[in-house]
Structures are given as structure tokens and as C-alpha cells.
Amino acid sequence: MRSTREKALMAAIGIVAFATPISLRVVTAAAPQAQLPASGPVRFDAASIKPSQAPAVDGNGFRISPGHLVAVNNTVEGLVRFAYGLEPADEGAIAGGPQWIRSDRFEVEGKAEGASSLPELQVMLRALLADRFALRLHEEMREREIFALVFARSDKRLGPGLRPTAPGEAAHCSSIESDPAATREFTPDGMRRCATSARGGIRLRGRPLADLTQMLGELVGRTVIDRTGLDQRFDADLNAALNWDHLALGGVSDTLGINAMIFTALQEQLGLKLQAARGAVRTIVIDSIEKPAAD
């Protein structure tokens, strides 16, 4: 079975990848804010919304292909997170709204001729939420509890598991990022080049630290902001028995429980640490919403 992160990367480039439980998310250097190209469609040509009959434990996810978006067993909160590019495990990323937006689950499908990019599908999902759920919201930067990613040592020495990517490989990874048709290639250790993986811990190949902060945020259920100042690409190997099941169930990680080892492993293996802090974080505030009529 593919890891959650591997499935997410496949989803981001338009490849359908489903397992049970499922939780697909977009792997980007930063949380994506959908920007509609001037010539792009604004709404789906056809869309359907139905209450889900599946229990929450079956997981949730998205299937993405050109001109086609399918959301399976998702709460409205999950749909909003996807449409607005929010961290799936950041408990405070969405504020307000009735409790049913976090409990009731829906099956959503949208089709649009000529829509080929993820940002276009995100924008159309925003429009669908506004049309069918009468969703009205606004964005704020709210001061919240976060974690800052900083150096563990005063001399800023990195741990053995974190290595700057070779210049040639870093250039290669930069060149293929915007090409969804790029051929899959693998490193000598069997991992996909220019990718991340959560199999057996956290692994990066030719990725910016923003990918690491995103993965850490998913593990600890709080936004993680990089304050190391490191702006190059890295290869990383962090070995720990991490648990990602909360993503499939749409929940928040128990940082004092099953994933508490990440704090020690990060310092010992990568030479970095998570430092409790406060910071202004992008927050979606629900002003009003209504339950839709089923198709």
C-alpha cells in the first residue's frame, strides 16, 4: 500500500490513487491558495452533492484528474480545507460554523471541460460550496499557538539525517516541479526522486524544508513555521514509528501521545527542533452556511 504522502503527491499531479482508509492531500512548498487563471472556468459544468453513507472510520479523500474532482466521505470542513489550501490537521485553521460541518459527511463530484489544473478545481469547489451550501466566509490572520522549526544546536550544526541536496539534483528537481508529465525516476535507495515519503518515518529527496514543516504540522496538529533560514533543498531520513491515521479520519494528531517521539527524533536525527511559539496564521472564518438539498 502506498503511504499517505505518496498518494498525496500522486493526487497533486492528477493521478488517481485510492486505498482504505484514504486521505489525499496536496504536497506543495507552502499551503496553496487557489488562483484562477484569467481564461479558466469559474464553475463546474456539472456537479452533484449527496450525503455519504460510509462511516467516518472508512476514511476520506479526493480523486483528481483533468476536469474532474471527486470528494469521498468528506465533511464540509474537509472540503473547505481542500478548496482553500489549508493544513488538514491544523485544528484552528477553520473557525465558526455549526457543528454539523465537522460531523456530517458528503460525496461530491464536479466536472468541467477544459479545467486541467488543481488551482482551477479548487476555485470551482469554492464556487460550488458558495452555491450549494450558501457558504459565506472571510479570511483573517489570527494569533494562535504554533511550533517554530529552529536549530537544535547553538552552532546550527545539522544532524546526520539531514543533508543538502547535491546542486545538480536540486536543479533537476526545480526543473520538473511544474511538469505534471515528468517521468518517474528513483534514487539508488528505491525512493522516488524529488519527492517525500512517510514510510517508516519521514523522508525527503531534493525537497525544500517547507515540505518538512508541512509534514510536521500534520503530525502535531498545529501550524509549523520554518525559522531556520535554510532556503536550499534537502535530503532527509528521519526514522520513527509515526502514526498518520488521524489524517484519514479527518482528525487532529495527539501530540502528547502516539507521535510524541517526533520531538526527540527531530533533534537527534536532523539537528532541528520544534519550539512552542505564537504567530499570525491564516484562518478561514465561517460567517454562514446551510445544509444543501441532496441531488
Protein backbone atom coordinates (compact mmCIF):
# COMPACT_ATOMS: atom_id res chain seq x y z
CA MET A 1 0.00 0.00 0.00
CA ARG A 2 1.27 3.46 -0.81
CA SER A 3 1.93 5.87 2.03
CA THR A 4 -0.38 8.82 2.65
CA ARG A 5 2.30 11.21 1.41
CA GLU A 6 2.98 9.19 -1.73
CA LYS A 7 -0.73 9.13 -2.52
CA ALA A 8 -0.91 12.87 -1.94
CA LEU A 9 1.89 13.53 -4.39
CA MET A 10 0.15 11.38 -6.98
CA ALA A 11 -3.08 13.26 -6.43
CA ALA A 12 -1.32 16.58 -6.87
CA ILE A 13 -0.18 15.61 -10.36
CA GLY A 14 -3.57 14.26 -11.37
CA ILE A 15 -3.16 10.51 -10.81
CA VAL A 16 -5.99 8.66 -9.10
CA ALA A 17 -4.75 6.72 -6.06
CA PHE A 18 -7.22 5.25 -3.59
CA ALA A 19 -6.92 2.89 -0.65
CA THR A 20 -8.88 2.47 2.57
CA PRO A 21 -8.62 4.47 4.67
CA ILE A 22 -7.81 7.31 2.28
CA SER A 23 -6.53 10.79 2.81
CA LEU A 24 -5.12 12.60 -0.20
CA ARG A 25 -3.59 15.99 0.14
CA VAL A 26 -1.59 18.31 -1.97
CA VAL A 27 2.18 18.36 -1.48
CA THR A 28 3.47 21.86 -2.10
CA ALA A 29 6.18 24.10 -0.76
CA ALA A 30 3.50 26.11 1.02
CA ALA A 31 -0.24 25.77 1.53
CA PRO A 32 -1.69 26.56 -1.89
CA GLN A 33 -4.10 29.43 -2.28
CA ALA A 34 -6.05 28.77 -5.44
CA GLN A 35 -5.58 31.44 -8.07
CA LEU A 36 -7.87 31.30 -11.10
CA PRO A 37 -6.17 31.96 -14.44
CA ALA A 38 -7.83 34.74 -16.40
CA SER A 39 -9.08 32.26 -19.01
CA GLY A 40 -10.06 29.47 -16.63
CA PRO A 41 -13.61 28.31 -15.84
CA VAL A 42 -15.17 29.55 -12.62
CA ARG A 43 -17.77 26.82 -12.03
CA PHE A 44 -18.16 23.13 -12.73
CA ASP A 45 -20.20 22.31 -15.82
CA ALA A 46 -21.94 19.61 -13.79
CA ALA A 47 -21.79 18.83 -10.08
CA SER A 48 -23.53 16.59 -7.57
CA ILE A 49 -23.64 16.53 -3.76
CA LYS A 50 -25.02 13.60 -1.78
CA PRO A 51 -24.91 12.64 1.91
CA SER A 52 -22.32 9.93 2.47
CA GLN A 53 -23.49 6.56 3.73
CA ALA A 54 -19.98 5.49 4.74
CA PRO A 55 -18.86 5.73 8.39
CA ALA A 56 -16.07 8.13 9.33
CA VAL A 57 -13.70 5.22 10.03
CA ASP A 58 -13.72 4.38 6.31
CA GLY A 59 -11.57 7.45 5.73
CA ASN A 60 -11.96 10.31 3.29
CA GLY A 61 -10.14 11.59 0.25
CA PHE A 62 -10.10 13.20 -3.17
CA ARG A 63 -9.67 11.81 -6.67
CA ILE A 64 -8.27 14.37 -9.07
CA SER A 65 -7.91 14.21 -12.83
CA PRO A 66 -8.09 16.86 -15.57
CA GLY A 67 -11.55 18.41 -15.48
CA HIS A 68 -12.78 16.06 -12.76
CA LEU A 69 -12.88 16.25 -8.96
CA VAL A 70 -14.38 13.60 -6.67
CA ALA A 71 -14.52 14.12 -2.90
CA VAL A 72 -15.32 10.93 -0.98
CA ASN A 73 -16.82 10.84 2.52
CA ASN A 74 -15.72 14.39 3.36
CA THR A 75 -17.03 16.82 5.93
CA VAL A 76 -17.72 20.38 4.84
CA GLU A 77 -14.75 21.42 6.95
CA GLY A 78 -12.61 18.99 4.93
CA LEU A 79 -13.97 20.39 1.66
CA VAL A 80 -13.17 23.93 2.78
CA ARG A 81 -9.66 22.90 3.82
CA PHE A 82 -9.06 21.41 0.38
CA ALA A 83 -10.65 24.31 -1.54
CA TYR A 84 -8.63 26.92 0.35
CA GLY A 85 -5.36 25.01 0.70
CA LEU A 86 -5.35 24.63 4.49
CA GLU A 87 -3.42 22.09 6.54
CA PRO A 88 -5.69 19.07 7.12
CA ALA A 89 -4.59 18.56 10.72
CA ASP A 90 -4.45 22.22 11.88
CA GLU A 91 -7.29 22.29 14.38
CA GLY A 92 -7.64 26.09 14.41
CA ALA A 93 -7.46 26.70 10.66
CA ILE A 94 -11.25 26.98 10.34
CA ALA A 95 -13.26 28.95 12.89
CA GLY A 96 -17.00 29.34 13.37
CA GLY A 97 -19.85 27.49 11.73
CA PRO A 98 -22.28 24.91 13.17
CA GLN A 99 -21.09 21.56 14.46
CA TRP A 100 -22.56 19.61 11.51
CA ILE A 101 -19.85 20.97 9.18
CA ARG A 102 -17.41 18.84 11.19
CA SER A 103 -19.60 15.74 11.56
CA ASP A 104 -21.88 15.30 8.52
CA ARG A 105 -20.15 13.74 5.51
CA PHE A 106 -20.79 14.18 1.79
CA GLU A 107 -19.95 12.69 -1.59
CA VAL A 108 -19.14 15.49 -4.05
CA GLU A 109 -18.36 15.24 -7.76
CA GLY A 110 -17.66 18.05 -10.21
CA LYS A 111 -16.81 18.06 -13.90
CA ALA A 112 -15.59 20.94 -16.04
CA GLU A 113 -14.49 20.93 -19.66
CA GLY A 114 -11.06 22.50 -20.07
CA ALA A 115 -10.12 22.58 -16.38
CA SER A 116 -6.71 20.97 -16.20
CA SER A 117 -5.04 22.29 -13.06
CA LEU A 118 -5.52 21.76 -9.35
CA PRO A 119 -5.95 25.52 -8.66
CA GLU A 120 -8.81 25.64 -11.17
CA LEU A 121 -10.55 22.73 -9.47
CA GLN A 122 -10.04 24.38 -6.08
CA VAL A 123 -11.63 27.61 -7.30
CA MET A 124 -14.60 25.72 -8.74
CA LEU A 125 -15.04 23.84 -5.47
CA ARG A 126 -15.12 27.21 -3.69
CA ALA A 127 -17.90 28.33 -6.04
CA LEU A 128 -19.81 25.07 -5.50
CA LEU A 129 -19.63 25.48 -1.73
CA ALA A 130 -20.95 29.03 -2.08
CA ASP A 131 -23.77 27.99 -4.43
CA ARG A 132 -24.98 24.78 -2.83
CA PHE A 133 -24.13 25.31 0.84
CA ALA A 134 -24.72 29.09 0.78
CA LEU A 135 -21.25 29.29 2.32
CA ARG A 136 -20.09 32.76 3.25
CA LEU A 137 -16.68 33.20 4.83
CA HIS A 138 -13.75 35.53 5.19
CA GLU A 139 -10.04 35.13 5.86
CA GLU A 140 -8.11 36.54 8.79
CA MET A 141 -4.61 36.30 10.16
CA ARG A 142 -5.21 35.15 13.73
CA GLU A 143 -2.68 34.86 16.51
CA ARG A 144 -2.54 31.21 17.52
CA GLU A 145 -0.30 28.65 19.15
CA ILE A 146 2.21 27.32 16.60
CA PHE A 147 5.51 25.49 16.53
CA ALA A 148 8.63 27.12 15.13
CA LEU A 149 11.17 24.89 13.42
CA VAL A 150 14.60 26.02 14.68
CA PHE A 151 18.12 24.68 15.06
CA ALA A 152 18.57 22.29 17.98
CA ARG A 153 22.24 23.31 18.48
CA SER A 154 23.64 26.76 19.10
CA ASP A 155 26.26 26.19 16.37
CA LYS A 156 23.46 25.37 13.87
CA ARG A 157 25.01 22.04 13.02
CA LEU A 158 22.64 19.71 11.20
CA GLY A 159 22.05 16.14 12.28
CA PRO A 160 23.20 13.08 10.31
CA GLY A 161 19.74 12.59 8.80
CA LEU A 162 19.57 15.98 7.06
CA ARG A 163 21.81 16.71 4.09
CA PRO A 164 21.78 19.50 1.49
CA THR A 165 20.80 18.04 -1.89
CA ALA A 166 23.63 17.90 -4.44
CA PRO A 167 23.48 21.01 -6.68
CA GLY A 168 22.81 19.06 -9.87
CA GLU A 169 20.00 17.08 -8.28
CA ALA A 170 18.49 20.24 -6.77
CA ALA A 171 18.44 21.88 -10.19
CA HIS A 172 16.80 18.78 -11.67
CA CYS A 173 14.08 18.81 -9.02
CA SER A 174 13.39 22.50 -9.62
CA SER A 175 13.05 21.91 -13.34
CA ILE A 176 10.46 19.13 -13.12
CA GLU A 177 8.21 20.54 -10.40
CA SER A 178 5.92 22.34 -12.84
CA ASP A 179 5.75 19.42 -15.27
CA PRO A 180 2.92 17.00 -14.36
CA ALA A 181 4.01 14.69 -17.18
CA ALA A 182 7.54 14.29 -15.85
CA THR A 183 8.79 10.71 -15.94
CA ARG A 184 9.04 9.00 -12.57
CA GLU A 185 12.62 8.40 -11.52
CA PHE A 186 14.04 6.76 -8.44
CA THR A 187 17.11 7.21 -6.28
CA PRO A 188 19.53 4.31 -5.67
CA ASP A 189 17.79 3.56 -2.36
CA GLY A 190 14.50 2.97 -4.17
CA MET A 191 12.77 6.21 -3.23
CA ARG A 192 11.23 8.43 -5.87
CA ARG A 193 13.44 11.38 -6.85
CA CYS A 194 12.33 14.87 -5.84
CA ALA A 195 9.63 13.54 -3.51
CA THR A 196 8.61 13.00 0.09
CA SER A 197 7.53 9.82 1.86
CA ALA A 198 6.15 8.91 5.26
CA ARG A 199 7.01 5.24 5.02
CA GLY A 200 8.99 4.25 8.11
CA GLY A 201 9.35 7.85 9.26
CA ILE A 202 9.88 11.00 7.20
CA ARG A 203 11.98 11.04 4.04
CA LEU A 204 12.76 13.86 1.64
CA ARG A 205 14.69 13.75 -1.62
CA GLY A 206 15.52 17.07 -3.21
CA ARG A 207 12.78 18.92 -1.35
CA PRO A 208 12.67 22.32 0.42
CA LEU A 209 12.26 22.39 4.19
CA ALA A 210 8.73 23.69 3.63
CA ASP A 211 7.78 20.10 2.86
CA LEU A 212 9.18 19.01 6.21
CA THR A 213 7.28 21.73 8.10
CA GLN A 214 4.08 20.68 6.34
CA MET A 215 4.57 17.04 7.34
CA LEU A 216 5.43 18.00 10.90
CA GLY A 217 2.30 20.16 11.07
CA GLU A 218 0.23 17.15 10.05
CA LEU A 219 1.82 15.08 12.82
CA VAL A 220 1.46 17.57 15.66
CA GLY A 221 -1.86 19.16 14.69
CA ARG A 222 -0.53 22.69 14.68
CA THR A 223 0.96 25.03 12.09
CA VAL A 224 4.76 24.74 11.90
CA ILE A 225 6.72 27.75 10.64
CA ASP A 226 10.29 27.41 9.42
CA ARG A 227 12.56 29.82 11.27
CA THR A 228 15.88 28.20 10.37
CA GLY A 229 16.57 30.46 7.38
CA LEU A 230 17.65 27.41 5.36
CA ASP A 231 16.43 28.01 1.80
CA GLN A 232 18.10 25.19 -0.15
CA ARG A 233 16.79 21.72 -0.98
CA PHE A 234 17.49 18.77 1.30
CA ASP A 235 17.60 15.01 1.51
CA ALA A 236 16.33 13.80 4.87
CA ASP A 237 15.91 10.49 6.67
CA LEU A 238 14.08 10.56 9.98
CA ASN A 239 13.35 7.11 11.37
CA ALA A 240 10.44 6.91 13.80
CA ALA A 241 7.25 4.88 14.21
CA LEU A 242 4.95 7.76 13.27
CA ASN A 243 1.18 7.42 13.00
CA TRP A 244 -0.71 9.22 10.19
CA ASP A 245 -4.12 7.60 10.68
CA HIS A 246 -5.67 10.81 12.01
CA LEU A 247 -5.39 12.31 8.51
CA ALA A 248 -7.56 9.58 7.02
CA LEU A 249 -10.16 10.13 9.73
CA GLY A 250 -10.11 13.92 9.39
CA GLY A 251 -8.88 14.44 12.95
CA VAL A 252 -6.02 16.10 14.77
CA SER A 253 -2.90 14.32 15.97
CA ASP A 254 -2.41 13.62 19.67
CA THR A 255 0.97 15.31 20.09
CA LEU A 256 1.36 14.06 23.67
CA GLY A 257 0.53 10.51 22.68
CA ILE A 258 1.37 8.37 19.67
CA ASN A 259 3.54 10.96 17.86
CA ALA A 260 5.34 12.47 20.84
CA MET A 261 8.58 10.79 19.75
CA ILE A 262 8.85 13.24 16.84
CA PHE A 263 10.20 15.93 19.17
CA THR A 264 13.19 13.82 20.25
CA ALA A 265 13.76 12.17 16.85
CA LEU A 266 13.85 15.55 15.12
CA GLN A 267 16.61 16.82 17.40
CA GLU A 268 18.72 13.65 17.43
CA GLN A 269 18.47 12.81 13.73
CA LEU A 270 18.01 16.12 11.88
CA GLY A 271 19.54 18.63 14.30
CA LEU A 272 16.31 20.63 14.39
CA LYS A 273 13.61 21.08 17.00
CA LEU A 274 10.03 22.26 17.39
CA GLN A 275 9.74 25.24 19.69
CA ALA A 276 6.37 26.31 21.06
CA ALA A 277 5.53 29.82 19.92
CA ARG A 278 2.72 32.09 18.85
CA GLY A 279 2.26 33.52 15.41
CA ALA A 280 -0.23 35.00 12.98
CA VAL A 281 -1.76 32.14 11.00
CA ARG A 282 -4.10 32.24 8.03
CA THR A 283 -7.57 31.34 9.30
CA ILE A 284 -10.86 30.78 7.46
CA VAL A 285 -13.84 32.16 9.43
CA ILE A 286 -17.26 30.72 8.57
CA ASP A 287 -19.84 33.54 8.57
CA SER A 288 -22.88 31.49 7.48
CA ILE A 289 -23.71 28.15 5.88
CA GLU A 290 -26.78 25.98 5.16
CA LYS A 291 -27.24 22.27 4.57
CA PRO A 292 -27.70 21.56 0.84
CA ALA A 293 -30.59 19.74 -0.76
CA ALA A 294 -29.35 16.34 -1.92
CA ASP A 295 -29.21 15.63 -5.67
